Every structure is written in C-alpha cells, then in structure tokens.
Amino acid sequence: AHMKDATELTATLRMTPALLQSDESIEAAFKCGRDMFLISTKRIIIIDKQGITGKSVEYKSYPLGFTAAFR
C-alpha cells in the first residue's frame, strides 16, 4: 500500500461520486492495488473495486464513533 494525497481525494470525493458530507474531509488515504482505505474526520471509508476491469465498485463506511481502535 502507498499513501495518496488527502487534499486531492477530498476534492474528488465531493464531486464524483459525492461521497463526503459538506463538513467532512479526508485525513489519510492508502491505496493497495485498485482498492483504497480512507480515514476521514467522521468515518472510515473502504473503496473496493472488483473484477478484472474494476467497473464494479463497493463502498463501505464505518462511523468513527463505533470504531474502538480510533477513539
């Protein structure tokens, strides 16, 4: 995995797809293959691209309030 630019991803995820709330921003982002692991100010977001072409995308979101390791 390698780190991605959090500021650039914040701008991208506010538009396509509109995944972030207006008062939310990405704090840290990691990319491993086609998948991404994001830590925002409100939640953990996992973007899982599936298949050979990566056209199928699954988004998982976990609120930080319910994540014991990040309290």
PDB file of N, CA and C in Angstrom:
ATOM      1  N   ALA A   1       0.845  -1.185   0.000  1.00  0.00           N
ATOM      2  CA  ALA A   1       0.000   0.000   0.000  1.00  0.00           C
ATOM      3  C   ALA A   1       0.884   1.239   0.000  1.00  0.00           C
ATOM      4  N   HIS A   2       0.367   2.300  -0.571  1.00  0.00           N
ATOM      5  CA  HIS A   2       1.078   3.570  -0.537  1.00  0.00           C
ATOM      6  C   HIS A   2       0.087   4.697  -0.256  1.00  0.00           C
ATOM      7  N   MET A   3       0.593   5.790   0.311  1.00  0.00           N
ATOM      8  CA  MET A   3      -0.262   6.913   0.675  1.00  0.00           C
ATOM      9  C   MET A   3      -0.647   7.724  -0.558  1.00  0.00           C
ATOM     10  N   LYS A   4      -1.854   8.270  -0.515  1.00  0.00           N
ATOM     11  CA  LYS A   4      -2.350   9.159  -1.558  1.00  0.00           C
ATOM     12  C   LYS A   4      -2.533  10.551  -0.960  1.00  0.00           C
ATOM     13  N   ASP A   5      -2.623  11.556  -1.805  1.00  0.00           N
ATOM     14  CA  ASP A   5      -2.810  12.925  -1.367  1.00  0.00           C
ATOM     15  C   ASP A   5      -4.240  13.117  -0.839  1.00  0.00           C
ATOM     16  N   ALA A   6      -4.372  13.415   0.457  1.00  0.00           N
ATOM     17  CA  ALA A   6      -5.678  13.539   1.098  1.00  0.00           C
ATOM     18  C   ALA A   6      -6.453  14.746   0.583  1.00  0.00           C
ATOM     19  N   THR A   7      -5.774  15.847   0.301  1.00  0.00           N
ATOM     20  CA  THR A   7      -6.445  17.061  -0.176  1.00  0.00           C
ATOM     21  C   THR A   7      -7.064  16.834  -1.553  1.00  0.00           C
ATOM     22  N   GLU A   8      -6.333  16.173  -2.411  1.00  0.00           N
ATOM     23  CA  GLU A   8      -6.830  15.883  -3.754  1.00  0.00           C
ATOM     24  C   GLU A   8      -8.034  14.944  -3.699  1.00  0.00           C
ATOM     25  N   LEU A   9      -7.964  13.925  -2.843  1.00  0.00           N
ATOM     26  CA  LEU A   9      -9.075  12.983  -2.717  1.00  0.00           C
ATOM     27  C   LEU A   9     -10.311  13.639  -2.111  1.00  0.00           C
ATOM     28  N   THR A  10     -10.121  14.576  -1.190  1.00  0.00           N
ATOM     29  CA  THR A  10     -11.260  15.289  -0.610  1.00  0.00           C
ATOM     30  C   THR A  10     -12.025  16.019  -1.706  1.00  0.00           C
ATOM     31  N   ALA A  11     -11.310  16.709  -2.574  1.00  0.00           N
ATOM     32  CA  ALA A  11     -11.950  17.428  -3.679  1.00  0.00           C
ATOM     33  C   ALA A  11     -12.633  16.460  -4.648  1.00  0.00           C
ATOM     34  N   THR A  12     -11.986  15.353  -4.942  1.00  0.00           N
ATOM     35  CA  THR A  12     -12.542  14.372  -5.876  1.00  0.00           C
ATOM     36  C   THR A  12     -13.805  13.724  -5.318  1.00  0.00           C
ATOM     37  N   LEU A  13     -13.779  13.333  -4.052  1.00  0.00           N
ATOM     38  CA  LEU A  13     -14.918  12.620  -3.470  1.00  0.00           C
ATOM     39  C   LEU A  13     -16.074  13.538  -3.087  1.00  0.00           C
ATOM     40  N   ARG A  14     -15.932  14.814  -3.266  1.00  0.00           N
ATOM     41  CA  ARG A  14     -17.064  15.732  -3.096  1.00  0.00           C
ATOM     42  C   ARG A  14     -17.866  15.842  -4.401  1.00  0.00           C
ATOM     43  N   MET A  15     -17.235  15.414  -5.525  1.00  0.00           N
ATOM     44  CA  MET A  15     -17.898  15.542  -6.819  1.00  0.00           C
ATOM     45  C   MET A  15     -18.279  14.191  -7.420  1.00  0.00           C
ATOM     46  N   THR A  16     -17.306  13.326  -7.649  1.00  0.00           N
ATOM     47  CA  THR A  16     -17.556  12.087  -8.388  1.00  0.00           C
ATOM     48  C   THR A  16     -17.022  10.880  -7.657  1.00  0.00           C
ATOM     49  N   PRO A  17     -17.760  10.075  -7.011  1.00  0.00           N
ATOM     50  CA  PRO A  17     -19.142  10.292  -6.581  1.00  0.00           C
ATOM     51  C   PRO A  17     -19.175  11.208  -5.368  1.00  0.00           C
ATOM     52  N   ALA A  18     -20.288  11.837  -5.127  1.00  0.00           N
ATOM     53  CA  ALA A  18     -20.434  12.743  -3.981  1.00  0.00           C
ATOM     54  C   ALA A  18     -20.545  11.897  -2.713  1.00  0.00           C
ATOM     55  N   LEU A  19     -19.399  11.512  -2.185  1.00  0.00           N
ATOM     56  CA  LEU A  19     -19.329  10.567  -1.078  1.00  0.00           C
ATOM     57  C   LEU A  19     -19.180  11.256   0.274  1.00  0.00           C
ATOM     58  N   LEU A  20     -18.574  12.438   0.278  1.00  0.00           N
ATOM     59  CA  LEU A  20     -18.301  13.137   1.529  1.00  0.00           C
ATOM     60  C   LEU A  20     -19.386  14.155   1.866  1.00  0.00           C
ATOM     61  N   GLN A  21     -19.594  14.349   3.161  1.00  0.00           N
ATOM     62  CA  GLN A  21     -20.511  15.386   3.613  1.00  0.00           C
ATOM     63  C   GLN A  21     -19.823  16.743   3.496  1.00  0.00           C
ATOM     64  N   SER A  22     -20.581  17.828   3.594  1.00  0.00           N
ATOM     65  CA  SER A  22     -20.017  19.162   3.383  1.00  0.00           C
ATOM     66  C   SER A  22     -18.968  19.540   4.428  1.00  0.00           C
ATOM     67  N   ASP A  23     -19.105  19.035   5.652  1.00  0.00           N
ATOM     68  CA  ASP A  23     -18.150  19.365   6.722  1.00  0.00           C
ATOM     69  C   ASP A  23     -17.139  18.246   6.981  1.00  0.00           C
ATOM     70  N   GLU A  24     -16.984  17.337   6.038  1.00  0.00           N
ATOM     71  CA  GLU A  24     -16.096  16.180   6.183  1.00  0.00           C
ATOM     72  C   GLU A  24     -14.920  16.307   5.225  1.00  0.00           C
ATOM     73  N   SER A  25     -13.737  15.870   5.659  1.00  0.00           N
ATOM     74  CA  SER A  25     -12.562  15.871   4.785  1.00  0.00           C
ATOM     75  C   SER A  25     -11.732  14.621   5.059  1.00  0.00           C
ATOM     76  N   ILE A  26     -10.916  14.251   4.086  1.00  0.00           N
ATOM     77  CA  ILE A  26     -10.051  13.077   4.205  1.00  0.00           C
ATOM     78  C   ILE A  26      -8.807  13.468   4.985  1.00  0.00           C
ATOM     79  N   GLU A  27      -8.470  12.685   6.010  1.00  0.00           N
ATOM     80  CA  GLU A  27      -7.275  12.910   6.826  1.00  0.00           C
ATOM     81  C   GLU A  27      -6.100  12.062   6.335  1.00  0.00           C
ATOM     82  N   ALA A  28      -6.369  10.814   5.950  1.00  0.00           N
ATOM     83  CA  ALA A  28      -5.325   9.909   5.457  1.00  0.00           C
ATOM     84  C   ALA A  28      -5.945   8.972   4.424  1.00  0.00           C
ATOM     85  N   ALA A  29      -5.167   8.612   3.417  1.00  0.00           N
ATOM     86  CA  ALA A  29      -5.657   7.736   2.361  1.00  0.00           C
ATOM     87  C   ALA A  29      -4.548   6.789   1.926  1.00  0.00           C
ATOM     88  N   PHE A  30      -4.912   5.527   1.752  1.00  0.00           N
ATOM     89  CA  PHE A  30      -3.961   4.497   1.348  1.00  0.00           C
ATOM     90  C   PHE A  30      -4.548   3.716   0.185  1.00  0.00           C
ATOM     91  N   LYS A  31      -3.711   3.423  -0.813  1.00  0.00           N
ATOM     92  CA  LYS A  31      -4.138   2.660  -1.982  1.00  0.00           C
ATOM     93  C   LYS A  31      -3.326   1.378  -2.057  1.00  0.00           C
ATOM     94  N   CYS A  32      -4.037   0.273  -2.228  1.00  0.00           N
ATOM     95  CA  CYS A  32      -3.401  -1.039  -2.365  1.00  0.00           C
ATOM     96  C   CYS A  32      -4.014  -1.707  -3.595  1.00  0.00           C
ATOM     97  N   GLY A  33      -3.260  -1.774  -4.669  1.00  0.00           N
ATOM     98  CA  GLY A  33      -3.814  -2.283  -5.922  1.00  0.00           C
ATOM     99  C   GLY A  33      -4.861  -1.326  -6.437  1.00  0.00           C
ATOM    100  N   ARG A  34      -6.086  -1.826  -6.631  1.00  0.00           N
ATOM    101  CA  ARG A  34      -7.183  -0.955  -7.067  1.00  0.00           C
ATOM    102  C   ARG A  34      -8.016  -0.442  -5.901  1.00  0.00           C
ATOM    103  N   ASP A  35      -7.845  -1.003  -4.714  1.00  0.00           N
ATOM    104  CA  ASP A  35      -8.658  -0.668  -3.559  1.00  0.00           C
ATOM    105  C   ASP A  35      -8.065   0.503  -2.783  1.00  0.00           C
ATOM    106  N   MET A  36      -8.939   1.220  -2.039  1.00  0.00           N
ATOM    107  CA  MET A  36      -8.486   2.348  -1.230  1.00  0.00           C
ATOM    108  C   MET A  36      -9.059   2.248   0.178  1.00  0.00           C
ATOM    109  N   PHE A  37      -8.299   2.717   1.156  1.00  0.00           N
ATOM    110  CA  PHE A  37      -8.682   2.779   2.558  1.00  0.00           C
ATOM    111  C   PHE A  37      -8.539   4.235   2.978  1.00  0.00           C
ATOM    112  N   LEU A  38      -9.651   4.887   3.345  1.00  0.00           N
ATOM    113  CA  LEU A  38      -9.644   6.303   3.662  1.00  0.00           C
ATOM    114  C   LEU A  38     -10.061   6.527   5.113  1.00  0.00           C
ATOM    115  N   ILE A  39      -9.414   7.459   5.778  1.00  0.00           N
ATOM    116  CA  ILE A  39      -9.815   7.876   7.118  1.00  0.00           C
ATOM    117  C   ILE A  39     -10.207   9.341   7.003  1.00  0.00           C
ATOM    118  N   SER A  40     -11.479   9.621   7.264  1.00  0.00           N
ATOM    119  CA  SER A  40     -11.968  10.998   7.192  1.00  0.00           C
ATOM    120  C   SER A  40     -12.169  11.526   8.604  1.00  0.00           C
ATOM    121  N   THR A  41     -12.672  12.740   8.702  1.00  0.00           N
ATOM    122  CA  THR A  41     -12.912  13.351  10.004  1.00  0.00           C
ATOM    123  C   THR A  41     -14.109  12.722  10.707  1.00  0.00           C
ATOM    124  N   LYS A  42     -14.934  11.934   9.978  1.00  0.00           N
ATOM    125  CA  LYS A  42     -16.127  11.336  10.564  1.00  0.00           C
ATOM    126  C   LYS A  42     -16.205   9.816  10.483  1.00  0.00           C
ATOM    127  N   ARG A  43     -15.462   9.209   9.557  1.00  0.00           N
ATOM    128  CA  ARG A  43     -15.625   7.774   9.339  1.00  0.00           C
ATOM    129  C   ARG A  43     -14.441   7.163   8.608  1.00  0.00           C
ATOM    130  N   ILE A  44     -14.470   5.858   8.536  1.00  0.00           N
ATOM    131  CA  ILE A  44     -13.511   5.094   7.740  1.00  0.00           C
ATOM    132  C   ILE A  44     -14.255   4.640   6.491  1.00  0.00           C
ATOM    133  N   ILE A  45     -13.656   4.856   5.332  1.00  0.00           N
ATOM    134  CA  ILE A  45     -14.284   4.500   4.062  1.00  0.00           C
ATOM    135  C   ILE A  45     -13.374   3.522   3.336  1.00  0.00           C
ATOM    136  N   ILE A  46     -13.958   2.424   2.888  1.00  0.00           N
ATOM    137  CA  ILE A  46     -13.213   1.438   2.100  1.00  0.00           C
ATOM    138  C   ILE A  46     -13.840   1.399   0.714  1.00  0.00           C
ATOM    139  N   ILE A  47     -13.017   1.632  -0.305  1.00  0.00           N
ATOM    140  CA  ILE A  47     -13.471   1.579  -1.691  1.00  0.00           C
ATOM    141  C   ILE A  47     -12.867   0.330  -2.309  1.00  0.00           C
ATOM    142  N   ASP A  48     -13.737  -0.631  -2.635  1.00  0.00           N
ATOM    143  CA  ASP A  48     -13.309  -1.938  -3.128  1.00  0.00           C
ATOM    144  C   ASP A  48     -13.723  -2.095  -4.587  1.00  0.00           C
ATOM    145  N   LYS A  49     -12.747  -1.997  -5.498  1.00  0.00           N
ATOM    146  CA  LYS A  49     -13.028  -2.193  -6.919  1.00  0.00           C
ATOM    147  C   LYS A  49     -12.884  -3.672  -7.214  1.00  0.00           C
ATOM    148  N   GLN A  50     -13.896  -4.239  -7.862  1.00  0.00           N
ATOM    149  CA  GLN A  50     -13.928  -5.678  -8.091  1.00  0.00           C
ATOM    150  C   GLN A  50     -13.863  -5.999  -9.573  1.00  0.00           C
ATOM    151  N   GLY A  51     -13.479  -7.199  -9.879  1.00  0.00           N
ATOM    152  CA  GLY A  51     -13.428  -7.647 -11.260  1.00  0.00           C
ATOM    153  C   GLY A  51     -12.138  -7.232 -11.950  1.00  0.00           C
ATOM    154  N   ILE A  52     -11.927  -7.777 -13.109  1.00  0.00           N
ATOM    155  CA  ILE A  52     -10.707  -7.515 -13.868  1.00  0.00           C
ATOM    156  C   ILE A  52     -10.671  -6.060 -14.351  1.00  0.00           C
ATOM    157  N   THR A  53     -11.807  -5.532 -14.786  1.00  0.00           N
ATOM    158  CA  THR A  53     -11.842  -4.162 -15.306  1.00  0.00           C
ATOM    159  C   THR A  53     -12.032  -3.131 -14.211  1.00  0.00           C
ATOM    160  N   GLY A  54     -12.461  -3.531 -13.019  1.00  0.00           N
ATOM    161  CA  GLY A  54     -12.670  -2.596 -11.918  1.00  0.00           C
ATOM    162  C   GLY A  54     -13.910  -1.742 -12.091  1.00  0.00           C
ATOM    163  N   LYS A  55     -14.854  -2.188 -12.936  1.00  0.00           N
ATOM    164  CA  LYS A  55     -16.067  -1.404 -13.174  1.00  0.00           C
ATOM    165  C   LYS A  55     -17.053  -1.531 -12.020  1.00  0.00           C
ATOM    166  N   SER A  56     -17.019  -2.630 -11.303  1.00  0.00           N
ATOM    167  CA  SER A  56     -17.896  -2.820 -10.154  1.00  0.00           C
ATOM    168  C   SER A  56     -17.181  -2.283  -8.911  1.00  0.00           C
ATOM    169  N   VAL A  57     -17.820  -1.340  -8.222  1.00  0.00           N
ATOM    170  CA  VAL A  57     -17.203  -0.700  -7.065  1.00  0.00           C
ATOM    171  C   VAL A  57     -18.120  -0.849  -5.859  1.00  0.00           C
ATOM    172  N   GLU A  58     -17.539  -1.253  -4.734  1.00  0.00           N
ATOM    173  CA  GLU A  58     -18.290  -1.383  -3.489  1.00  0.00           C
ATOM    174  C   GLU A  58     -17.725  -0.386  -2.481  1.00  0.00           C
ATOM    175  N   TYR A  59     -18.616   0.400  -1.870  1.00  0.00           N
ATOM    176  CA  TYR A  59     -18.222   1.390  -0.875  1.00  0.00           C
ATOM    177  C   TYR A  59     -18.686   0.922   0.495  1.00  0.00           C
ATOM    178  N   LYS A  60     -17.776   0.911   1.457  1.00  0.00           N
ATOM    179  CA  LYS A  60     -18.118   0.562   2.837  1.00  0.00           C
ATOM    180  C   LYS A  60     -17.760   1.752   3.716  1.00  0.00           C
ATOM    181  N   SER A  61     -18.642   2.084   4.659  1.00  0.00           N
ATOM    182  CA  SER A  61     -18.435   3.239   5.515  1.00  0.00           C
ATOM    183  C   SER A  61     -18.682   2.843   6.965  1.00  0.00           C
ATOM    184  N   TYR A  62     -17.727   3.164   7.841  1.00  0.00           N
ATOM    185  CA  TYR A  62     -17.832   2.843   9.255  1.00  0.00           C
ATOM    186  C   TYR A  62     -17.633   4.116  10.071  1.00  0.00           C
ATOM    187  N   PRO A  63     -18.643   4.578  10.821  1.00  0.00           N
ATOM    188  CA  PRO A  63     -18.508   5.789  11.635  1.00  0.00           C
ATOM    189  C   PRO A  63     -17.416   5.629  12.675  1.00  0.00           C
ATOM    190  N   LEU A  64     -16.634   6.679  12.906  1.00  0.00           N
ATOM    191  CA  LEU A  64     -15.536   6.607  13.882  1.00  0.00           C
ATOM    192  C   LEU A  64     -16.042   6.390  15.304  1.00  0.00           C
ATOM    193  N   GLY A  65     -17.249   6.837  15.599  1.00  0.00           N
ATOM    194  CA  GLY A  65     -17.820   6.642  16.935  1.00  0.00           C
ATOM    195  C   GLY A  65     -18.020   5.179  17.299  1.00  0.00           C
ATOM    196  N   PHE A  66     -18.150   4.327  16.291  1.00  0.00           N
ATOM    197  CA  PHE A  66     -18.357   2.902  16.515  1.00  0.00           C
ATOM    198  C   PHE A  66     -17.109   2.072  16.237  1.00  0.00           C
ATOM    199  N   THR A  67     -15.974   2.739  16.058  1.00  0.00           N
ATOM    200  CA  THR A  67     -14.712   2.072  15.786  1.00  0.00           C
ATOM    201  C   THR A  67     -13.810   2.230  17.010  1.00  0.00           C
ATOM    202  N   ALA A  68     -13.692   1.194  17.796  1.00  0.00           N
ATOM    203  CA  ALA A  68     -12.978   1.266  19.088  1.00  0.00           C
ATOM    204  C   ALA A  68     -11.496   1.623  18.936  1.00  0.00           C
ATOM    205  N   ALA A  69     -10.857   1.219  17.861  1.00  0.00           N
ATOM    206  CA  ALA A  69      -9.420   1.455  17.702  1.00  0.00           C
ATOM    207  C   ALA A  69      -9.078   2.915  17.444  1.00  0.00           C
ATOM    208  N   PHE A  70     -10.042   3.742  17.035  1.00  0.00           N
ATOM    209  CA  PHE A  70      -9.778   5.118  16.678  1.00  0.00           C
ATOM    210  C   PHE A  70     -10.420   6.122  17.629  1.00  0.00           C
ATOM    211  N   ARG A  71     -10.855   5.695  18.805  1.00  0.00           N
ATOM    212  CA  ARG A  71     -11.499   6.610  19.747  1.00  0.00           C
ATOM    213  C   ARG A  71     -10.490   7.457  20.464  1.00  0.00           C
TER     214      ARG A  71
END
